[in-house]
Amino acid sequence: MLLRLVQAHTIVKFQGDGPLAAVCPRGLRNYQGTQAGFTIRLNGAQSSMLNGKRILVVMPAYNAAKTLEQTYKEVPREFVDEVILVDDGSRDETADVAARLGLTTFVHKQNLGYGRNQKTCYREALRRGADIVIMLHPDYQYSPNLIVSLAAMIAYGEYDVALGSRILGVGALKGGMPLYKYIANRFLTLFENLLLKYKISEYHTGYRAFSRTVLDALPLEANSDDFVFDNQMLAQIIYFGYRMGEVSCPTRYFAEASSISFWRSVTYGFGVLATSLQFRLQKWGLADFRIFSTEGHKLLPDYYVMVKE
């Protein structure tokens, strides 16, 4: 069933961590709420084609106007119930493109960081009743055609987390991954597998799927708002004993695809090493870190309210 989007919009404003505006097609939702917060329910037909699970795709975006439409066109909408985009203070027309395409769109009024972007993504996905949440970068670096494969690994109870690995197979270098990034990827993954006593092909993919149970339980607010958030999250998943699987994902590096600079990569690499050491010290009982604490902060349930435009 096709849903006709209307041009009316609503606005969401953040309180506390900074302002955020949301552009959402009003015609698709019923609103319920109190002064403390609100809930949103998506109306209309839902696919729920995979074992009755509600599947949401989230896109943490920054300056993705040139690649967003191509990425979104390949999302298998017959399986995906809703697509959410969070624009982290882009300097281009990312939010405008997203609104035109009919995505549920949130905009950080200032750049809050890749990690904070993901926290907003997951919070909003959980608000909308997601059973499975898939993070897909809107820069077209990862193939949306694998969404169903990732979701199915969770929908039928085999795994709690699924990753799209660029290392499985022979695609990373052929797909344009810079040699220094490939070498760093392999070294850091080896280091992490040794210290975390786990075995996956890479910890640095941005293509991930999570069950609702995982997102509800992990102390994600204790994690960094920067790029190392990705790595801290996987370390938490392993620490708390969730099941994690992988599928092979083709690599796409091209001019419009987002990529952090060399020095930001170096900072990320040191953050990865630190996270692995913290994991091992916590396992040995020699230290106590917030990111591995069962009392750590879960995703904040309400720190913004909705008002009409």
C-alpha atoms as a PDB file:
ATOM      1  CA  MET A   1       0.000   0.000   0.000  1.00  0.00           C
ATOM      2  CA  LEU A   2       1.406   3.357  -0.991  1.00  0.00           C
ATOM      3  CA  LEU A   3       1.282   6.230   1.481  1.00  0.00           C
ATOM      4  CA  ARG A   4       0.695   9.735   0.103  1.00  0.00           C
ATOM      5  CA  LEU A   5       2.837  12.282   1.920  1.00  0.00           C
ATOM      6  CA  VAL A   6       1.463  15.728   2.669  1.00  0.00           C
ATOM      7  CA  GLN A   7       3.439  18.943   2.829  1.00  0.00           C
ATOM      8  CA  ALA A   8       2.483  19.891   6.394  1.00  0.00           C
ATOM      9  CA  HIS A   9       5.292  19.458   8.886  1.00  0.00           C
ATOM     10  CA  THR A  10       5.875  19.349  12.604  1.00  0.00           C
ATOM     11  CA  ILE A  11       8.761  20.687  14.638  1.00  0.00           C
ATOM     12  CA  VAL A  12      10.611  19.034  17.492  1.00  0.00           C
ATOM     13  CA  LYS A  13      12.804  21.127  19.765  1.00  0.00           C
ATOM     14  CA  PHE A  14      15.394  19.708  22.123  1.00  0.00           C
ATOM     15  CA  GLN A  15      15.777  20.705  25.743  1.00  0.00           C
ATOM     16  CA  GLY A  16      19.073  20.195  27.521  1.00  0.00           C
ATOM     17  CA  ASP A  17      21.574  18.776  25.059  1.00  0.00           C
ATOM     18  CA  GLY A  18      20.842  21.398  22.424  1.00  0.00           C
ATOM     19  CA  PRO A  19      18.107  22.247  19.948  1.00  0.00           C
ATOM     20  CA  LEU A  20      16.895  19.824  17.354  1.00  0.00           C
ATOM     21  CA  ALA A  21      14.246  20.367  14.712  1.00  0.00           C
ATOM     22  CA  ALA A  22      12.313  17.543  13.128  1.00  0.00           C
ATOM     23  CA  VAL A  23      10.586  17.610   9.789  1.00  0.00           C
ATOM     24  CA  CYS A  24       7.970  14.868   9.733  1.00  0.00           C
ATOM     25  CA  PRO A  25       4.997  14.342   7.393  1.00  0.00           C
ATOM     26  CA  ARG A  26       2.087  15.103   9.709  1.00  0.00           C
ATOM     27  CA  GLY A  27      -0.364  13.081   7.678  1.00  0.00           C
ATOM     28  CA  LEU A  28       1.253   9.787   8.724  1.00  0.00           C
ATOM     29  CA  ARG A  29       0.978  10.064  12.509  1.00  0.00           C
ATOM     30  CA  ASN A  30      -1.286  10.258  15.514  1.00  0.00           C
ATOM     31  CA  TYR A  31       0.130  12.228  18.407  1.00  0.00           C
ATOM     32  CA  GLN A  32      -0.287  11.398  22.056  1.00  0.00           C
ATOM     33  CA  GLY A  33       1.589  13.075  24.845  1.00  0.00           C
ATOM     34  CA  THR A  34       1.872  14.940  28.109  1.00  0.00           C
ATOM     35  CA  GLN A  35       3.960  17.819  29.301  1.00  0.00           C
ATOM     36  CA  ALA A  36       6.768  15.365  30.060  1.00  0.00           C
ATOM     37  CA  GLY A  37       6.944  14.007  26.525  1.00  0.00           C
ATOM     38  CA  PHE A  38       5.075  12.343  23.705  1.00  0.00           C
ATOM     39  CA  THR A  39       4.740   9.186  21.707  1.00  0.00           C
ATOM     40  CA  ILE A  40       4.294   8.809  17.974  1.00  0.00           C
ATOM     41  CA  ARG A  41       2.670   5.958  16.120  1.00  0.00           C
ATOM     42  CA  LEU A  42       2.978   5.438  12.383  1.00  0.00           C
ATOM     43  CA  ASN A  43      -0.393   5.001  10.689  1.00  0.00           C
ATOM     44  CA  GLY A  44      -1.131   3.055   7.540  1.00  0.00           C
ATOM     45  CA  ALA A  45       0.034  -0.288   6.260  1.00  0.00           C
ATOM     46  CA  GLN A  46       3.167  -1.835   7.691  1.00  0.00           C
ATOM     47  CA  SER A  47       5.156  -4.495   5.935  1.00  0.00           C
ATOM     48  CA  SER A  48       6.359  -6.655   8.865  1.00  0.00           C
ATOM     49  CA  MET A  49       7.368  -9.224   6.273  1.00  0.00           C
ATOM     50  CA  LEU A  50      10.149 -10.778   8.347  1.00  0.00           C
ATOM     51  CA  ASN A  51       8.614 -12.920  11.071  1.00  0.00           C
ATOM     52  CA  GLY A  52       6.214 -10.144  12.025  1.00  0.00           C
ATOM     53  CA  LYS A  53       8.991  -7.715  13.071  1.00  0.00           C
ATOM     54  CA  ARG A  54       8.732  -3.959  12.693  1.00  0.00           C
ATOM     55  CA  ILE A  55      11.896  -2.873  10.864  1.00  0.00           C
ATOM     56  CA  LEU A  56      13.234   0.674  10.855  1.00  0.00           C
ATOM     57  CA  VAL A  57      16.261   2.028   8.989  1.00  0.00           C
ATOM     58  CA  VAL A  58      18.127   4.942  10.562  1.00  0.00           C
ATOM     59  CA  MET A  59      20.515   7.195   8.663  1.00  0.00           C
ATOM     60  CA  PRO A  60      23.004   9.315  10.641  1.00  0.00           C
ATOM     61  CA  ALA A  61      23.719  12.063   8.124  1.00  0.00           C
ATOM     62  CA  TYR A  62      26.225  14.852   7.649  1.00  0.00           C
ATOM     63  CA  ASN A  63      26.511  16.677   4.310  1.00  0.00           C
ATOM     64  CA  ALA A  64      24.860  13.804   2.453  1.00  0.00           C
ATOM     65  CA  ALA A  65      22.667  15.766   0.022  1.00  0.00           C
ATOM     66  CA  LYS A  66      24.453  14.412  -3.073  1.00  0.00           C
ATOM     67  CA  THR A  67      24.109  10.734  -2.205  1.00  0.00           C
ATOM     68  CA  LEU A  68      20.985  10.498  -0.047  1.00  0.00           C
ATOM     69  CA  GLU A  69      18.446  10.037  -2.837  1.00  0.00           C
ATOM     70  CA  GLN A  70      20.405   7.237  -4.509  1.00  0.00           C
ATOM     71  CA  THR A  71      20.799   5.465  -1.169  1.00  0.00           C
ATOM     72  CA  TYR A  72      17.130   5.811  -0.290  1.00  0.00           C
ATOM     73  CA  LYS A  73      15.945   4.586  -3.711  1.00  0.00           C
ATOM     74  CA  GLU A  74      17.584   1.212  -3.054  1.00  0.00           C
ATOM     75  CA  VAL A  75      16.037   0.701   0.385  1.00  0.00           C
ATOM     76  CA  PRO A  76      13.633  -2.291   0.076  1.00  0.00           C
ATOM     77  CA  ARG A  77      10.482  -0.504   1.243  1.00  0.00           C
ATOM     78  CA  GLU A  78       8.412  -3.687   1.035  1.00  0.00           C
ATOM     79  CA  PHE A  79      10.334  -4.873   4.102  1.00  0.00           C
ATOM     80  CA  VAL A  80      11.149  -1.569   5.830  1.00  0.00           C
ATOM     81  CA  ASP A  81       8.380   0.112   7.846  1.00  0.00           C
ATOM     82  CA  GLU A  82       9.995   3.538   8.213  1.00  0.00           C
ATOM     83  CA  VAL A  83      13.218   5.382   7.434  1.00  0.00           C
ATOM     84  CA  ILE A  84      14.560   7.970   9.886  1.00  0.00           C
ATOM     85  CA  LEU A  85      17.296  10.447   9.033  1.00  0.00           C
ATOM     86  CA  VAL A  86      19.125  12.584  11.611  1.00  0.00           C
ATOM     87  CA  ASP A  87      21.070  15.475  10.111  1.00  0.00           C
ATOM     88  CA  ASP A  88      23.950  16.479  12.374  1.00  0.00           C
ATOM     89  CA  GLY A  89      24.107  20.168  11.485  1.00  0.00           C
ATOM     90  CA  SER A  90      24.966  19.725   7.812  1.00  0.00           C
ATOM     91  CA  ARG A  91      26.116  22.697   5.733  1.00  0.00           C
ATOM     92  CA  ASP A  92      24.321  21.445   2.634  1.00  0.00           C
ATOM     93  CA  GLU A  93      20.686  20.599   1.783  1.00  0.00           C
ATOM     94  CA  THR A  94      20.604  17.156   3.407  1.00  0.00           C
ATOM     95  CA  ALA A  95      17.505  17.893   5.505  1.00  0.00           C
ATOM     96  CA  ASP A  96      15.649  19.423   2.559  1.00  0.00           C
ATOM     97  CA  VAL A  97      16.356  16.408   0.360  1.00  0.00           C
ATOM     98  CA  ALA A  98      15.260  14.048   3.137  1.00  0.00           C
ATOM     99  CA  ALA A  99      12.000  15.925   3.671  1.00  0.00           C
ATOM    100  CA  ARG A 100      11.307  15.928  -0.069  1.00  0.00           C
ATOM    101  CA  LEU A 101      11.802  12.163  -0.169  1.00  0.00           C
ATOM    102  CA  GLY A 102       9.357  11.730   2.705  1.00  0.00           C
ATOM    103  CA  LEU A 103      11.817  10.507   5.325  1.00  0.00           C
ATOM    104  CA  THR A 104      11.161  11.161   9.000  1.00  0.00           C
ATOM    105  CA  THR A 105      13.823  13.825   9.413  1.00  0.00           C
ATOM    106  CA  PHE A 106      15.510  15.339  12.462  1.00  0.00           C
ATOM    107  CA  VAL A 107      18.076  18.130  12.375  1.00  0.00           C
ATOM    108  CA  HIS A 108      20.636  18.912  15.055  1.00  0.00           C
ATOM    109  CA  LYS A 109      20.882  22.682  15.047  1.00  0.00           C
ATOM    110  CA  GLN A 110      24.587  22.310  15.681  1.00  0.00           C
ATOM    111  CA  ASN A 111      27.097  19.566  14.958  1.00  0.00           C
ATOM    112  CA  LEU A 112      26.926  17.279  17.999  1.00  0.00           C
ATOM    113  CA  GLY A 113      29.066  14.428  16.692  1.00  0.00           C
ATOM    114  CA  TYR A 114      28.604  11.072  14.984  1.00  0.00           C
ATOM    115  CA  GLY A 115      28.015   9.255  18.261  1.00  0.00           C
ATOM    116  CA  ARG A 116      25.333  11.690  19.407  1.00  0.00           C
ATOM    117  CA  ASN A 117      23.738  11.384  15.981  1.00  0.00           C
ATOM    118  CA  GLN A 118      23.384   7.640  16.474  1.00  0.00           C
ATOM    119  CA  LYS A 119      21.926   8.108  19.954  1.00  0.00           C
ATOM    120  CA  THR A 120      19.213  10.294  18.456  1.00  0.00           C
ATOM    121  CA  CYS A 121      18.633   7.739  15.679  1.00  0.00           C
ATOM    122  CA  TYR A 122      18.177   4.837  18.076  1.00  0.00           C
ATOM    123  CA  ARG A 123      16.069   6.812  20.523  1.00  0.00           C
ATOM    124  CA  GLU A 124      13.636   7.810  17.796  1.00  0.00           C
ATOM    125  CA  ALA A 125      13.526   4.307  16.326  1.00  0.00           C
ATOM    126  CA  LEU A 126      12.618   2.859  19.714  1.00  0.00           C
ATOM    127  CA  ARG A 127       9.949   5.541  20.169  1.00  0.00           C
ATOM    128  CA  ARG A 128       8.344   4.341  16.954  1.00  0.00           C
ATOM    129  CA  GLY A 129       8.114   0.755  18.120  1.00  0.00           C
ATOM    130  CA  ALA A 130      11.002  -0.746  16.152  1.00  0.00           C
ATOM    131  CA  ASP A 131      11.789  -4.425  16.739  1.00  0.00           C
ATOM    132  CA  ILE A 132      14.876  -4.246  14.515  1.00  0.00           C
ATOM    133  CA  VAL A 133      16.911  -1.125  13.786  1.00  0.00           C
ATOM    134  CA  ILE A 134      19.357  -0.997  10.884  1.00  0.00           C
ATOM    135  CA  MET A 135      21.919   1.789  10.615  1.00  0.00           C
ATOM    136  CA  LEU A 136      22.643   2.680   6.995  1.00  0.00           C
ATOM    137  CA  HIS A 137      24.926   5.590   6.111  1.00  0.00           C
ATOM    138  CA  PRO A 138      23.273   7.853   3.527  1.00  0.00           C
ATOM    139  CA  ASP A 139      26.537   8.357   1.608  1.00  0.00           C
ATOM    140  CA  TYR A 140      25.936   5.235  -0.536  1.00  0.00           C
ATOM    141  CA  GLN A 141      29.096   3.588   0.746  1.00  0.00           C
ATOM    142  CA  TYR A 142      27.104   0.530   1.878  1.00  0.00           C
ATOM    143  CA  SER A 143      24.612  -1.369  -0.254  1.00  0.00           C
ATOM    144  CA  PRO A 144      20.969  -1.012   0.884  1.00  0.00           C
ATOM    145  CA  ASN A 145      20.294  -4.321  -0.866  1.00  0.00           C
ATOM    146  CA  LEU A 146      21.679  -6.131   2.191  1.00  0.00           C
ATOM    147  CA  ILE A 147      19.085  -4.683   4.577  1.00  0.00           C
ATOM    148  CA  VAL A 148      16.888  -7.764   4.329  1.00  0.00           C
ATOM    149  CA  SER A 149      19.826 -10.116   4.943  1.00  0.00           C
ATOM    150  CA  LEU A 150      20.887  -8.198   8.052  1.00  0.00           C
ATOM    151  CA  ALA A 151      17.341  -7.934   9.384  1.00  0.00           C
ATOM    152  CA  ALA A 152      16.599 -11.633   8.813  1.00  0.00           C
ATOM    153  CA  MET A 153      19.549 -12.678  10.969  1.00  0.00           C
ATOM    154  CA  ILE A 154      17.804 -10.975  13.893  1.00  0.00           C
ATOM    155  CA  ALA A 155      14.148 -11.467  12.948  1.00  0.00           C
ATOM    156  CA  TYR A 156      14.372 -15.249  13.148  1.00  0.00           C
ATOM    157  CA  GLY A 157      16.273 -15.288  16.424  1.00  0.00           C
ATOM    158  CA  GLU A 158      19.713 -16.370  15.242  1.00  0.00           C
ATOM    159  CA  TYR A 159      21.526 -13.204  16.352  1.00  0.00           C
ATOM    160  CA  ASP A 160      20.980 -10.057  18.400  1.00  0.00           C
ATOM    161  CA  VAL A 161      23.301  -7.943  16.227  1.00  0.00           C
ATOM    162  CA  ALA A 162      24.275  -8.250  12.555  1.00  0.00           C
ATOM    163  CA  LEU A 163      27.155  -6.491  10.806  1.00  0.00           C
ATOM    164  CA  GLY A 164      27.897  -5.840   7.145  1.00  0.00           C
ATOM    165  CA  SER A 165      31.602  -6.630   6.841  1.00  0.00           C
ATOM    166  CA  ARG A 166      33.748  -5.074   4.124  1.00  0.00           C
ATOM    167  CA  ILE A 167      36.570  -7.479   4.920  1.00  0.00           C
ATOM    168  CA  LEU A 168      34.812 -10.791   4.326  1.00  0.00           C
ATOM    169  CA  GLY A 169      35.552 -11.763   0.736  1.00  0.00           C
ATOM    170  CA  VAL A 170      37.937  -9.697  -1.402  1.00  0.00           C
ATOM    171  CA  GLY A 171      36.054  -6.424  -1.781  1.00  0.00           C
ATOM    172  CA  ALA A 172      37.681  -3.861   0.533  1.00  0.00           C
ATOM    173  CA  LEU A 173      40.698  -2.786  -1.536  1.00  0.00           C
ATOM    174  CA  LYS A 174      38.945  -3.437  -4.833  1.00  0.00           C
ATOM    175  CA  GLY A 175      36.135  -1.191  -3.685  1.00  0.00           C
ATOM    176  CA  GLY A 176      38.566   1.671  -3.172  1.00  0.00           C
ATOM    177  CA  MET A 177      39.384   1.487   0.533  1.00  0.00           C
ATOM    178  CA  PRO A 178      42.685   3.395   0.999  1.00  0.00           C
ATOM    179  CA  LEU A 179      45.591   1.094   1.784  1.00  0.00           C
ATOM    180  CA  TYR A 180      46.421   2.823   5.064  1.00  0.00           C
ATOM    181  CA  LYS A 181      42.814   2.385   6.231  1.00  0.00           C
ATOM    182  CA  TYR A 182      42.845  -1.271   5.258  1.00  0.00           C
ATOM    183  CA  ILE A 183      46.074  -1.902   7.177  1.00  0.00           C
ATOM    184  CA  ALA A 184      44.757  -0.005  10.213  1.00  0.00           C
ATOM    185  CA  ASN A 185      41.488  -1.930  10.013  1.00  0.00           C
ATOM    186  CA  ARG A 186      43.265  -5.269  10.042  1.00  0.00           C
ATOM    187  CA  PHE A 187      45.655  -4.325  12.875  1.00  0.00           C
ATOM    188  CA  LEU A 188      42.942  -2.867  15.111  1.00  0.00           C
ATOM    189  CA  THR A 189      40.608  -5.809  14.462  1.00  0.00           C
ATOM    190  CA  LEU A 190      43.365  -8.288  15.400  1.00  0.00           C
ATOM    191  CA  PHE A 191      44.108  -6.308  18.576  1.00  0.00           C
ATOM    192  CA  GLU A 192      40.445  -6.245  19.527  1.00  0.00           C
ATOM    193  CA  ASN A 193      39.830  -9.917  18.817  1.00  0.00           C
ATOM    194  CA  LEU A 194      42.743 -10.748  21.130  1.00  0.00           C
ATOM    195  CA  LEU A 195      41.683  -8.493  24.003  1.00  0.00           C
ATOM    196  CA  LEU A 196      37.942  -9.006  23.695  1.00  0.00           C
ATOM    197  CA  LYS A 197      38.409 -12.767  23.119  1.00  0.00           C
ATOM    198  CA  TYR A 198      35.962 -12.665  20.241  1.00  0.00           C
ATOM    199  CA  LYS A 199      36.297 -13.278  16.518  1.00  0.00           C
ATOM    200  CA  ILE A 200      34.745 -11.108  13.833  1.00  0.00           C
ATOM    201  CA  SER A 201      36.260  -9.913  10.582  1.00  0.00           C
ATOM    202  CA  GLU A 202      36.036  -6.180  11.365  1.00  0.00           C
ATOM    203  CA  TYR A 203      34.885  -3.857  14.135  1.00  0.00           C
ATOM    204  CA  HIS A 204      34.831  -0.719  11.997  1.00  0.00           C
ATOM    205  CA  THR A 205      31.922  -1.145   9.621  1.00  0.00           C
ATOM    206  CA  GLY A 206      29.148   1.428   9.744  1.00  0.00           C
ATOM    207  CA  TYR A 207      26.540  -1.046   8.494  1.00  0.00           C
ATOM    208  CA  ARG A 208      24.808  -2.564  11.520  1.00  0.00           C
ATOM    209  CA  ALA A 209      21.511  -4.063  12.631  1.00  0.00           C
ATOM    210  CA  PHE A 210      20.314  -4.331  16.227  1.00  0.00           C
ATOM    211  CA  SER A 211      17.442  -5.945  18.050  1.00  0.00           C
ATOM    212  CA  ARG A 212      15.293  -3.741  20.236  1.00  0.00           C
ATOM    213  CA  THR A 213      16.481  -5.717  23.256  1.00  0.00           C
ATOM    214  CA  VAL A 214      20.085  -4.657  22.651  1.00  0.00           C
ATOM    215  CA  LEU A 215      19.300  -0.968  22.167  1.00  0.00           C
ATOM    216  CA  ASP A 216      17.087  -0.907  25.254  1.00  0.00           C
ATOM    217  CA  ALA A 217      19.698  -2.565  27.451  1.00  0.00           C
ATOM    218  CA  LEU A 218      23.086  -1.076  26.517  1.00  0.00           C
ATOM    219  CA  PRO A 219      24.358   1.967  28.493  1.00  0.00           C
ATOM    220  CA  LEU A 220      24.734   3.962  25.274  1.00  0.00           C
ATOM    221  CA  GLU A 221      24.583   7.374  26.937  1.00  0.00           C
ATOM    222  CA  ALA A 222      27.898   6.523  28.622  1.00  0.00           C
ATOM    223  CA  ASN A 223      29.574   6.300  25.222  1.00  0.00           C
ATOM    224  CA  SER A 224      31.432   9.017  23.349  1.00  0.00           C
ATOM    225  CA  ASP A 225      29.623  11.429  21.039  1.00  0.00           C
ATOM    226  CA  ASP A 226      32.490  11.043  18.550  1.00  0.00           C
ATOM    227  CA  PHE A 227      33.431   8.298  16.070  1.00  0.00           C
ATOM    228  CA  VAL A 228      34.681   5.868  18.724  1.00  0.00           C
ATOM    229  CA  PHE A 229      31.024   5.406  19.735  1.00  0.00           C
ATOM    230  CA  ASP A 230      30.852   2.667  17.090  1.00  0.00           C
ATOM    231  CA  ASN A 231      33.643   0.705  18.703  1.00  0.00           C
ATOM    232  CA  GLN A 232      32.449   1.197  22.250  1.00  0.00           C
ATOM    233  CA  MET A 233      29.046  -0.137  21.245  1.00  0.00           C
ATOM    234  CA  LEU A 234      30.467  -3.372  19.815  1.00  0.00           C
ATOM    235  CA  ALA A 235      32.632  -3.820  22.911  1.00  0.00           C
ATOM    236  CA  GLN A 236      29.516  -3.432  25.066  1.00  0.00           C
ATOM    237  CA  ILE A 237      27.642  -5.974  22.961  1.00  0.00           C
ATOM    238  CA  ILE A 238      30.409  -8.513  23.513  1.00  0.00           C
ATOM    239  CA  TYR A 239      30.817  -7.635  27.202  1.00  0.00           C
ATOM    240  CA  PHE A 240      27.131  -8.199  27.948  1.00  0.00           C
ATOM    241  CA  GLY A 241      27.012 -11.445  26.007  1.00  0.00           C
ATOM    242  CA  TYR A 242      24.831 -10.669  23.001  1.00  0.00           C
ATOM    243  CA  ARG A 243      25.124 -12.776  19.850  1.00  0.00           C
ATOM    244  CA  MET A 244      26.713 -11.097  16.838  1.00  0.00           C
ATOM    245  CA  GLY A 245      26.954 -12.280  13.220  1.00  0.00           C
ATOM    246  CA  GLU A 246      28.260 -10.899   9.925  1.00  0.00           C
ATOM    247  CA  VAL A 247      27.471 -10.854   6.212  1.00  0.00           C
ATOM    248  CA  SER A 248      29.817  -9.845   3.410  1.00  0.00           C
ATOM    249  CA  CYS A 249      29.281  -6.280   2.198  1.00  0.00           C
ATOM    250  CA  PRO A 250      30.808  -4.695  -0.928  1.00  0.00           C
ATOM    251  CA  THR A 251      32.934  -1.610  -0.364  1.00  0.00           C
ATOM    252  CA  ARG A 252      32.326   1.698  -2.154  1.00  0.00           C
ATOM    253  CA  TYR A 253      34.794   4.537  -1.822  1.00  0.00           C
ATOM    254  CA  PHE A 254      34.237   7.511  -4.123  1.00  0.00           C
ATOM    255  CA  ALA A 255      34.466  11.291  -4.012  1.00  0.00           C
ATOM    256  CA  GLU A 256      31.012  11.927  -2.523  1.00  0.00           C
ATOM    257  CA  ALA A 257      31.241   9.156   0.101  1.00  0.00           C
ATOM    258  CA  SER A 258      31.917  10.474   3.574  1.00  0.00           C
ATOM    259  CA  SER A 259      35.273   9.659   5.111  1.00  0.00           C
ATOM    260  CA  ILE A 260      37.055  11.042   8.139  1.00  0.00           C
ATOM    261  CA  SER A 261      40.448  12.696   7.709  1.00  0.00           C
ATOM    262  CA  PHE A 262      43.769  11.014   8.421  1.00  0.00           C
ATOM    263  CA  TRP A 263      44.208  12.719  11.792  1.00  0.00           C
ATOM    264  CA  ARG A 264      40.638  11.992  12.857  1.00  0.00           C
ATOM    265  CA  SER A 265      41.363   8.384  11.895  1.00  0.00           C
ATOM    266  CA  VAL A 266      44.413   8.426  14.158  1.00  0.00           C
ATOM    267  CA  THR A 267      42.318   9.761  17.040  1.00  0.00           C
ATOM    268  CA  TYR A 268      39.746   7.054  16.367  1.00  0.00           C
ATOM    269  CA  GLY A 269      42.469   4.388  16.351  1.00  0.00           C
ATOM    270  CA  PHE A 270      43.741   5.423  19.785  1.00  0.00           C
ATOM    271  CA  GLY A 271      40.146   5.408  21.019  1.00  0.00           C
ATOM    272  CA  VAL A 272      39.753   1.840  19.767  1.00  0.00           C
ATOM    273  CA  LEU A 273      42.890   0.745  21.619  1.00  0.00           C
ATOM    274  CA  ALA A 274      41.678   2.437  24.794  1.00  0.00           C
ATOM    275  CA  THR A 275      38.255   0.778  24.562  1.00  0.00           C
ATOM    276  CA  SER A 276      39.837  -2.657  24.180  1.00  0.00           C
ATOM    277  CA  LEU A 277      42.109  -2.097  27.178  1.00  0.00           C
ATOM    278  CA  GLN A 278      39.168  -0.874  29.264  1.00  0.00           C
ATOM    279  CA  PHE A 279      37.220  -3.998  28.310  1.00  0.00           C
ATOM    280  CA  ARG A 280      40.036  -6.295  29.404  1.00  0.00           C
ATOM    281  CA  LEU A 281      40.691  -4.413  32.677  1.00  0.00           C
ATOM    282  CA  GLN A 282      36.978  -4.551  33.498  1.00  0.00           C
ATOM    283  CA  LYS A 283      36.877  -8.288  32.776  1.00  0.00           C
ATOM    284  CA  TRP A 284      39.854  -8.818  35.078  1.00  0.00           C
ATOM    285  CA  GLY A 285      38.158  -6.826  37.818  1.00  0.00           C
ATOM    286  CA  LEU A 286      40.955  -4.249  37.890  1.00  0.00           C
ATOM    287  CA  ALA A 287      38.838  -1.252  36.920  1.00  0.00           C
ATOM    288  CA  ASP A 288      35.255  -0.109  36.635  1.00  0.00           C
ATOM    289  CA  PHE A 289      34.257   1.855  33.519  1.00  0.00           C
ATOM    290  CA  ARG A 290      30.845   3.426  32.960  1.00  0.00           C
ATOM    291  CA  ILE A 291      30.505   2.029  29.455  1.00  0.00           C
ATOM    292  CA  PHE A 292      30.523  -1.522  30.874  1.00  0.00           C
ATOM    293  CA  SER A 293      28.324  -0.859  33.890  1.00  0.00           C
ATOM    294  CA  THR A 294      24.852  -2.353  34.204  1.00  0.00           C
ATOM    295  CA  GLU A 295      23.982   0.840  36.064  1.00  0.00           C
ATOM    296  CA  GLY A 296      25.183   2.987  33.159  1.00  0.00           C
ATOM    297  CA  HIS A 297      22.844   5.436  31.499  1.00  0.00           C
ATOM    298  CA  LYS A 298      20.507   3.978  28.916  1.00  0.00           C
ATOM    299  CA  LEU A 299      19.190   6.149  26.110  1.00  0.00           C
ATOM    300  CA  LEU A 300      17.451   9.148  27.679  1.00  0.00           C
ATOM    301  CA  PRO A 301      13.697   8.663  27.243  1.00  0.00           C
ATOM    302  CA  ASP A 302      12.578  12.292  27.109  1.00  0.00           C
ATOM    303  CA  TYR A 303      14.673  15.377  26.632  1.00  0.00           C
ATOM    304  CA  TYR A 304      12.633  17.198  24.007  1.00  0.00           C
ATOM    305  CA  VAL A 305       9.008  17.990  23.294  1.00  0.00           C
ATOM    306  CA  MET A 306       6.992  18.400  20.114  1.00  0.00           C
ATOM    307  CA  VAL A 307       5.277  21.629  19.151  1.00  0.00           C
ATOM    308  CA  LYS A 308       3.324  22.506  16.037  1.00  0.00           C
ATOM    309  CA  GLU A 309       4.952  24.694  13.391  1.00  0.00           C
END
